[in-house]
N, C-alpha and C. Protein backbone atom coordinates (compact mmCIF):
# COMPACT_ATOMS: atom_id res chain seq x y z
N MET A 1 -134.21 65.78 -132.62
CA MET A 1 -134.17 66.67 -131.47
C MET A 1 -134.46 65.79 -130.28
N CYS A 2 -133.80 66.08 -129.13
CA CYS A 2 -134.02 65.32 -127.92
C CYS A 2 -134.72 66.23 -126.89
N ALA A 3 -135.57 65.62 -126.07
CA ALA A 3 -136.27 66.37 -125.02
C ALA A 3 -136.57 65.39 -123.89
N GLY A 4 -136.89 65.92 -122.74
CA GLY A 4 -137.22 65.08 -121.62
C GLY A 4 -135.97 64.79 -120.78
N GLY A 5 -135.82 63.56 -120.37
CA GLY A 5 -134.69 63.16 -119.56
C GLY A 5 -134.88 63.45 -118.08
N GLU A 6 -136.10 63.82 -117.70
CA GLU A 6 -136.45 64.03 -116.31
C GLU A 6 -137.33 62.89 -115.86
N PRO A 7 -137.17 62.42 -114.62
CA PRO A 7 -137.98 61.30 -114.15
C PRO A 7 -139.47 61.54 -114.32
N GLY A 8 -140.17 60.62 -114.98
CA GLY A 8 -141.60 60.70 -115.14
C GLY A 8 -142.08 61.72 -116.17
N ARG A 9 -141.18 62.36 -116.91
CA ARG A 9 -141.60 63.38 -117.85
C ARG A 9 -141.07 63.06 -119.25
N ASP A 10 -141.61 62.04 -119.81
CA ASP A 10 -141.22 61.62 -121.15
C ASP A 10 -142.30 60.76 -121.75
N THR A 11 -142.13 60.36 -122.97
CA THR A 11 -143.09 59.48 -123.61
C THR A 11 -142.78 58.02 -123.29
N CYS A 12 -143.69 57.14 -123.68
CA CYS A 12 -143.55 55.73 -123.40
C CYS A 12 -144.06 54.93 -124.62
N LYS A 13 -144.15 53.65 -124.46
CA LYS A 13 -144.62 52.79 -125.54
C LYS A 13 -146.02 53.25 -125.99
N GLY A 14 -146.21 53.27 -127.29
CA GLY A 14 -147.50 53.67 -127.86
C GLY A 14 -147.66 55.15 -128.08
N ASP A 15 -146.67 55.95 -127.74
CA ASP A 15 -146.78 57.40 -127.87
C ASP A 15 -146.25 57.92 -129.19
N GLY A 16 -145.67 57.06 -130.03
CA GLY A 16 -145.11 57.49 -131.30
C GLY A 16 -146.11 58.28 -132.15
N GLY A 17 -145.65 59.41 -132.69
CA GLY A 17 -146.54 60.25 -133.49
C GLY A 17 -147.21 61.33 -132.67
N SER A 18 -147.10 61.27 -131.34
CA SER A 18 -147.71 62.29 -130.50
C SER A 18 -146.95 63.61 -130.61
N PRO A 19 -147.62 64.74 -130.31
CA PRO A 19 -146.93 66.02 -130.42
C PRO A 19 -146.07 66.35 -129.20
N LEU A 20 -145.00 67.09 -129.45
CA LEU A 20 -144.21 67.71 -128.39
C LEU A 20 -144.56 69.17 -128.45
N VAL A 21 -145.28 69.70 -127.47
CA VAL A 21 -145.69 71.08 -127.46
C VAL A 21 -144.97 71.84 -126.35
N CYS A 22 -144.70 73.10 -126.65
CA CYS A 22 -143.98 73.98 -125.70
C CYS A 22 -144.73 75.30 -125.61
N PRO A 23 -144.63 75.97 -124.47
CA PRO A 23 -145.27 77.27 -124.36
C PRO A 23 -144.73 78.22 -125.41
N SER A 24 -145.60 79.05 -126.01
CA SER A 24 -145.18 80.05 -126.99
C SER A 24 -144.41 81.15 -126.30
N GLU A 25 -143.32 81.58 -126.90
CA GLU A 25 -142.56 82.68 -126.31
C GLU A 25 -143.21 84.01 -126.63
N TYR A 26 -144.24 84.02 -127.51
CA TYR A 26 -144.91 85.26 -127.93
C TYR A 26 -146.25 85.50 -127.25
N GLU A 27 -146.98 84.42 -126.92
CA GLU A 27 -148.29 84.55 -126.33
C GLU A 27 -148.39 83.65 -125.10
N LYS A 28 -148.71 84.25 -123.98
CA LYS A 28 -148.72 83.55 -122.66
C LYS A 28 -149.57 82.29 -122.64
N ASP A 29 -150.74 82.32 -123.20
CA ASP A 29 -151.68 81.20 -123.11
C ASP A 29 -151.72 80.33 -124.37
N ARG A 30 -150.65 80.34 -125.16
CA ARG A 30 -150.64 79.58 -126.40
C ARG A 30 -149.46 78.59 -126.38
N TYR A 31 -149.67 77.43 -127.00
CA TYR A 31 -148.64 76.42 -127.10
C TYR A 31 -148.29 76.22 -128.58
N VAL A 32 -147.07 75.81 -128.84
CA VAL A 32 -146.59 75.61 -130.20
C VAL A 32 -146.09 74.16 -130.31
N GLN A 33 -146.46 73.48 -131.42
CA GLN A 33 -145.93 72.14 -131.61
C GLN A 33 -144.53 72.24 -132.17
N ASN A 34 -143.56 71.76 -131.42
CA ASN A 34 -142.16 71.80 -131.84
C ASN A 34 -141.66 70.47 -132.37
N GLY A 35 -142.29 69.39 -131.98
CA GLY A 35 -141.79 68.06 -132.39
C GLY A 35 -142.90 67.03 -132.47
N ILE A 36 -142.52 65.85 -132.97
CA ILE A 36 -143.38 64.70 -133.05
C ILE A 36 -142.58 63.53 -132.47
N VAL A 37 -143.18 62.78 -131.56
CA VAL A 37 -142.46 61.65 -130.94
C VAL A 37 -141.98 60.68 -132.00
N ALA A 38 -140.66 60.39 -131.99
CA ALA A 38 -140.09 59.44 -132.94
C ALA A 38 -139.78 58.11 -132.21
N TRP A 39 -138.94 58.15 -131.20
CA TRP A 39 -138.60 56.93 -130.44
C TRP A 39 -137.91 57.31 -129.17
N GLY A 40 -137.71 56.35 -128.31
CA GLY A 40 -137.01 56.56 -127.06
C GLY A 40 -136.54 55.26 -126.46
N ILE A 41 -135.77 55.39 -125.38
CA ILE A 41 -135.28 54.21 -124.62
C ILE A 41 -135.86 54.33 -123.25
N GLY A 42 -136.64 53.31 -122.84
CA GLY A 42 -137.27 53.37 -121.53
C GLY A 42 -138.45 54.31 -121.53
N CYS A 43 -138.93 54.62 -120.34
CA CYS A 43 -140.09 55.50 -120.17
C CYS A 43 -139.85 56.47 -119.01
N GLY A 44 -139.55 57.71 -119.33
CA GLY A 44 -139.39 58.72 -118.29
C GLY A 44 -138.22 58.47 -117.33
N GLU A 45 -137.14 57.94 -117.86
CA GLU A 45 -135.98 57.66 -117.02
C GLU A 45 -135.10 58.90 -116.83
N ASP A 46 -134.56 59.10 -115.69
CA ASP A 46 -133.68 60.22 -115.40
C ASP A 46 -132.47 60.19 -116.30
N GLY A 47 -132.21 61.29 -117.02
CA GLY A 47 -131.03 61.38 -117.88
C GLY A 47 -131.14 60.71 -119.23
N THR A 48 -132.31 60.17 -119.57
CA THR A 48 -132.47 59.51 -120.87
C THR A 48 -133.58 60.21 -121.65
N PRO A 49 -133.22 61.15 -122.54
CA PRO A 49 -134.23 61.92 -123.27
C PRO A 49 -134.87 61.07 -124.36
N GLY A 50 -136.05 61.50 -124.78
CA GLY A 50 -136.73 60.91 -125.93
C GLY A 50 -136.25 61.60 -127.19
N VAL A 51 -136.51 60.98 -128.36
CA VAL A 51 -136.10 61.53 -129.62
C VAL A 51 -137.35 61.98 -130.38
N TYR A 52 -137.31 63.17 -130.92
CA TYR A 52 -138.44 63.78 -131.57
C TYR A 52 -138.04 64.28 -132.94
N VAL A 53 -139.03 64.28 -133.88
CA VAL A 53 -138.82 64.89 -135.18
C VAL A 53 -138.98 66.39 -135.00
N ASP A 54 -138.06 67.17 -135.55
CA ASP A 54 -138.09 68.65 -135.46
C ASP A 54 -139.03 69.18 -136.54
N VAL A 55 -140.22 69.64 -136.11
CA VAL A 55 -141.25 70.09 -137.04
C VAL A 55 -140.76 71.28 -137.87
N ALA A 56 -140.02 72.21 -137.25
CA ALA A 56 -139.55 73.38 -137.99
C ALA A 56 -138.68 73.01 -139.18
N ASN A 57 -137.89 71.97 -139.03
CA ASN A 57 -137.02 71.55 -140.16
C ASN A 57 -137.81 70.93 -141.33
N LEU A 58 -139.02 70.51 -141.03
CA LEU A 58 -139.87 69.90 -142.06
C LEU A 58 -141.00 70.83 -142.51
N ARG A 59 -141.01 72.05 -142.04
CA ARG A 59 -142.11 72.97 -142.30
C ARG A 59 -142.41 73.15 -143.80
N GLU A 60 -141.39 73.34 -144.63
CA GLU A 60 -141.61 73.49 -146.07
C GLU A 60 -142.30 72.29 -146.68
N TRP A 61 -141.83 71.10 -146.29
CA TRP A 61 -142.45 69.86 -146.80
C TRP A 61 -143.89 69.72 -146.32
N ILE A 62 -144.13 70.00 -145.04
CA ILE A 62 -145.48 69.93 -144.48
C ILE A 62 -146.41 70.87 -145.20
N ASP A 63 -145.94 72.13 -145.40
CA ASP A 63 -146.76 73.08 -146.12
C ASP A 63 -147.10 72.61 -147.52
N GLY A 64 -146.15 72.03 -148.21
CA GLY A 64 -146.39 71.53 -149.58
C GLY A 64 -147.45 70.44 -149.62
N ILE A 65 -147.41 69.52 -148.65
CA ILE A 65 -148.40 68.45 -148.55
C ILE A 65 -149.78 69.04 -148.29
N LEU A 66 -149.87 69.94 -147.33
CA LEU A 66 -151.16 70.55 -146.99
C LEU A 66 -151.73 71.38 -148.13
N LEU A 67 -150.88 72.14 -148.80
CA LEU A 67 -151.36 72.94 -149.94
C LEU A 67 -151.82 72.01 -151.07
N GLY A 68 -151.22 70.82 -151.20
CA GLY A 68 -151.59 69.87 -152.20
C GLY A 68 -153.01 69.31 -152.01
N VAL A 69 -153.53 69.41 -150.80
CA VAL A 69 -154.89 68.98 -150.51
C VAL A 69 -155.79 70.17 -150.19
N ASN A 70 -155.35 71.35 -150.65
CA ASN A 70 -156.11 72.58 -150.49
C ASN A 70 -156.38 73.02 -149.06
N TYR A 71 -155.44 72.74 -148.17
CA TYR A 71 -155.59 73.15 -146.78
C TYR A 71 -154.99 74.56 -146.61
N ASP A 72 -155.67 75.41 -145.90
CA ASP A 72 -155.20 76.79 -145.66
C ASP A 72 -154.12 76.75 -144.62
N ILE A 73 -152.86 76.93 -145.01
CA ILE A 73 -151.74 76.84 -144.04
C ILE A 73 -151.61 78.07 -143.18
N THR A 74 -152.36 79.14 -143.48
CA THR A 74 -152.23 80.34 -142.66
C THR A 74 -152.85 80.15 -141.27
N VAL A 75 -153.67 79.10 -141.09
CA VAL A 75 -154.32 78.90 -139.79
C VAL A 75 -153.36 78.49 -138.69
N TYR A 76 -152.14 78.05 -139.05
CA TYR A 76 -151.23 77.62 -137.99
C TYR A 76 -149.94 78.45 -137.98
N GLU A 77 -149.96 79.63 -138.60
CA GLU A 77 -148.79 80.50 -138.56
C GLU A 77 -148.71 81.20 -137.22
N LEU A 78 -147.51 81.51 -136.79
CA LEU A 78 -147.35 82.27 -135.53
C LEU A 78 -147.69 83.70 -135.74
């Protein structure tokens, strides 16, 4: 997934693994993690988005890993 591409609004070197969070469409004061920083070209350059891992596409795998270590996955459901 790509995001950013606006001057000064993107990740840079050392940000890999950081979250991409967006305002929740359901709750005004809540944010949802939609991605994880994968890689990018440059730092906050106009028209050059960063590349992120799409968390929703990996949700089933993430849940399986967390359940495998007895983590309660209901704490992060919408």
